[in-house]
Amino acid sequence: MTSKNILASFLFASAALVAGSAMAADNPHTQPVNTPSAVSRAEVLADLEIYRESGLAGVEQSETYGYDNARREAAQAKYAQLRSSPYYATLVKKFGGSAAATSVAGR
């Protein structure tokens, strides 16, 4: 390899290194940072169970969503009643959580 080829290879490698690091530093699409949730898995599962039992899931997934306001309000009231009842703490225990932390997952 001649000195001309070595010099050209070195310059090319240097330019590629500088360009690569400049592109990496200028990337606006950084990865989001996931912060740990204050809600346990058991609380989420208990809330989902209450959401389904109250009928709110059925109302929100029906074709009449947005039109059947009376049914939706009744389901929301039932959800709120179940969510604030001791039944919620029972479900959290059932799914392996502690009942002491059940007030964290309020909706």
C-alpha atoms as a PDB file:
ATOM      1  CA  MET A   1       0.000   0.000   0.000  1.00  0.00           C
ATOM      2  CA  THR A   2       1.415   3.356  -0.923  1.00  0.00           C
ATOM      3  CA  SER A   3       1.577   6.295   1.406  1.00  0.00           C
ATOM      4  CA  LYS A   4      -1.016   8.039  -0.767  1.00  0.00           C
ATOM      5  CA  ASN A   5      -3.512   5.186  -0.172  1.00  0.00           C
ATOM      6  CA  ILE A   6      -2.751   5.099   3.541  1.00  0.00           C
ATOM      7  CA  LEU A   7      -3.308   8.840   3.841  1.00  0.00           C
ATOM      8  CA  ALA A   8      -6.547   8.632   1.848  1.00  0.00           C
ATOM      9  CA  SER A   9      -7.802   5.741   4.014  1.00  0.00           C
ATOM     10  CA  PHE A  10      -6.952   7.651   7.187  1.00  0.00           C
ATOM     11  CA  LEU A  11      -8.748  10.803   5.990  1.00  0.00           C
ATOM     12  CA  PHE A  12     -11.799   8.805   4.932  1.00  0.00           C
ATOM     13  CA  ALA A  13     -11.968   6.996   8.283  1.00  0.00           C
ATOM     14  CA  SER A  14     -11.583  10.278  10.182  1.00  0.00           C
ATOM     15  CA  ALA A  15     -14.328  11.950   8.151  1.00  0.00           C
ATOM     16  CA  ALA A  16     -16.667   8.991   8.715  1.00  0.00           C
ATOM     17  CA  LEU A  17     -15.981   9.025  12.453  1.00  0.00           C
ATOM     18  CA  VAL A  18     -16.650  12.761  12.753  1.00  0.00           C
ATOM     19  CA  ALA A  19     -19.813  12.540  10.651  1.00  0.00           C
ATOM     20  CA  GLY A  20     -21.127   9.559  12.629  1.00  0.00           C
ATOM     21  CA  SER A  21     -20.622  11.196  16.000  1.00  0.00           C
ATOM     22  CA  ALA A  22     -22.174  14.458  14.753  1.00  0.00           C
ATOM     23  CA  MET A  23     -25.249  12.593  13.534  1.00  0.00           C
ATOM     24  CA  ALA A  24     -25.579  10.707  16.820  1.00  0.00           C
ATOM     25  CA  ALA A  25     -25.382  13.900  18.875  1.00  0.00           C
ATOM     26  CA  ASP A  26     -27.928  15.653  16.659  1.00  0.00           C
ATOM     27  CA  ASN A  27     -30.626  12.963  16.929  1.00  0.00           C
ATOM     28  CA  PRO A  28     -33.905  14.539  18.086  1.00  0.00           C
ATOM     29  CA  HIS A  29     -35.527  11.114  18.471  1.00  0.00           C
ATOM     30  CA  THR A  30     -34.183  10.105  21.844  1.00  0.00           C
ATOM     31  CA  GLN A  31     -35.686   7.147  23.610  1.00  0.00           C
ATOM     32  CA  PRO A  32     -38.257   7.963  26.313  1.00  0.00           C
ATOM     33  CA  VAL A  33     -37.358   7.226  29.891  1.00  0.00           C
ATOM     34  CA  ASN A  34     -39.794   4.902  31.614  1.00  0.00           C
ATOM     35  CA  THR A  35     -40.369   5.898  35.195  1.00  0.00           C
ATOM     36  CA  PRO A  36     -41.607   3.239  37.587  1.00  0.00           C
ATOM     37  CA  SER A  37     -45.312   3.345  38.310  1.00  0.00           C
ATOM     38  CA  ALA A  38     -46.698   3.886  41.786  1.00  0.00           C
ATOM     39  CA  VAL A  39     -49.482   1.422  40.924  1.00  0.00           C
ATOM     40  CA  SER A  40     -48.832  -2.269  41.425  1.00  0.00           C
ATOM     41  CA  ARG A  41     -49.794  -5.001  38.992  1.00  0.00           C
ATOM     42  CA  ALA A  42     -52.384  -6.283  41.467  1.00  0.00           C
ATOM     43  CA  GLU A  43     -54.010  -2.837  41.629  1.00  0.00           C
ATOM     44  CA  VAL A  44     -54.189  -2.618  37.846  1.00  0.00           C
ATOM     45  CA  LEU A  45     -55.760  -6.073  37.602  1.00  0.00           C
ATOM     46  CA  ALA A  46     -58.253  -5.239  40.355  1.00  0.00           C
ATOM     47  CA  ASP A  47     -59.179  -1.992  38.616  1.00  0.00           C
ATOM     48  CA  LEU A  48     -59.642  -3.849  35.327  1.00  0.00           C
ATOM     49  CA  GLU A  49     -61.900  -6.382  37.038  1.00  0.00           C
ATOM     50  CA  ILE A  50     -64.059  -3.589  38.481  1.00  0.00           C
ATOM     51  CA  TYR A  51     -64.096  -1.813  35.107  1.00  0.00           C
ATOM     52  CA  ARG A  52     -65.504  -4.947  33.501  1.00  0.00           C
ATOM     53  CA  GLU A  53     -67.938  -5.804  36.320  1.00  0.00           C
ATOM     54  CA  SER A  54     -69.411  -2.306  36.391  1.00  0.00           C
ATOM     55  CA  GLY A  55     -70.402  -2.575  32.746  1.00  0.00           C
ATOM     56  CA  LEU A  56     -68.230   0.375  31.782  1.00  0.00           C
ATOM     57  CA  ALA A  57     -66.112  -1.776  29.464  1.00  0.00           C
ATOM     58  CA  GLY A  58     -69.217  -2.943  27.606  1.00  0.00           C
ATOM     59  CA  VAL A  59     -70.556   0.594  27.250  1.00  0.00           C
ATOM     60  CA  GLU A  60     -67.271   1.971  25.945  1.00  0.00           C
ATOM     61  CA  GLN A  61     -66.905  -0.860  23.429  1.00  0.00           C
ATOM     62  CA  SER A  62     -70.459  -0.835  22.125  1.00  0.00           C
ATOM     63  CA  GLU A  63     -71.582   0.689  18.854  1.00  0.00           C
ATOM     64  CA  THR A  64     -73.827   3.103  20.726  1.00  0.00           C
ATOM     65  CA  TYR A  65     -70.886   4.731  22.535  1.00  0.00           C
ATOM     66  CA  GLY A  66     -71.576   8.435  22.800  1.00  0.00           C
ATOM     67  CA  TYR A  67     -75.324   8.008  22.290  1.00  0.00           C
ATOM     68  CA  ASP A  68     -76.438   5.904  25.242  1.00  0.00           C
ATOM     69  CA  ASN A  69     -75.523   8.442  27.922  1.00  0.00           C
ATOM     70  CA  ALA A  70     -77.880   7.070  30.582  1.00  0.00           C
ATOM     71  CA  ARG A  71     -76.302   3.610  30.379  1.00  0.00           C
ATOM     72  CA  ARG A  72     -72.816   5.126  30.468  1.00  0.00           C
ATOM     73  CA  GLU A  73     -73.609   7.279  33.518  1.00  0.00           C
ATOM     74  CA  ALA A  74     -75.056   4.267  35.335  1.00  0.00           C
ATOM     75  CA  ALA A  75     -71.950   2.226  34.546  1.00  0.00           C
ATOM     76  CA  GLN A  76     -69.678   5.071  35.686  1.00  0.00           C
ATOM     77  CA  ALA A  77     -71.589   5.361  38.959  1.00  0.00           C
ATOM     78  CA  LYS A  78     -71.343   1.595  39.504  1.00  0.00           C
ATOM     79  CA  TYR A  79     -67.598   1.723  38.708  1.00  0.00           C
ATOM     80  CA  ALA A  80     -67.032   4.574  41.201  1.00  0.00           C
ATOM     81  CA  GLN A  81     -69.039   2.738  43.869  1.00  0.00           C
ATOM     82  CA  LEU A  82     -67.092  -0.510  43.378  1.00  0.00           C
ATOM     83  CA  ARG A  83     -63.776   1.312  43.155  1.00  0.00           C
ATOM     84  CA  SER A  84     -64.250   3.019  46.524  1.00  0.00           C
ATOM     85  CA  SER A  85     -65.663  -0.063  48.250  1.00  0.00           C
ATOM     86  CA  PRO A  86     -63.761  -2.676  50.304  1.00  0.00           C
ATOM     87  CA  TYR A  87     -64.326  -5.021  47.356  1.00  0.00           C
ATOM     88  CA  TYR A  88     -61.464  -3.284  45.546  1.00  0.00           C
ATOM     89  CA  ALA A  89     -59.058  -4.077  48.406  1.00  0.00           C
ATOM     90  CA  THR A  90     -60.281  -7.675  48.335  1.00  0.00           C
ATOM     91  CA  LEU A  91     -59.502  -7.911  44.629  1.00  0.00           C
ATOM     92  CA  VAL A  92     -56.045  -6.392  45.140  1.00  0.00           C
ATOM     93  CA  LYS A  93     -55.317  -9.084  47.745  1.00  0.00           C
ATOM     94  CA  LYS A  94     -56.690 -11.740  45.384  1.00  0.00           C
ATOM     95  CA  PHE A  95     -54.207 -10.659  42.700  1.00  0.00           C
ATOM     96  CA  GLY A  96     -51.286 -10.735  45.144  1.00  0.00           C
ATOM     97  CA  GLY A  97     -51.016  -7.123  46.224  1.00  0.00           C
ATOM     98  CA  SER A  98     -51.169  -5.478  49.611  1.00  0.00           C
ATOM     99  CA  ALA A  99     -54.399  -3.842  50.679  1.00  0.00           C
ATOM    100  CA  ALA A 100     -52.509  -0.989  52.370  1.00  0.00           C
ATOM    101  CA  ALA A 101     -51.485   0.545  49.038  1.00  0.00           C
ATOM    102  CA  THR A 102     -54.904   0.431  47.380  1.00  0.00           C
ATOM    103  CA  SER A 103     -55.580   4.162  47.625  1.00  0.00           C
ATOM    104  CA  VAL A 104     -52.757   4.906  45.157  1.00  0.00           C
ATOM    105  CA  ALA A 105     -54.540   3.689  42.038  1.00  0.00           C
ATOM    106  CA  GLY A 106     -57.469   6.086  42.143  1.00  0.00           C
ATOM    107  CA  ARG A 107     -59.002   6.972  38.805  1.00  0.00           C
END
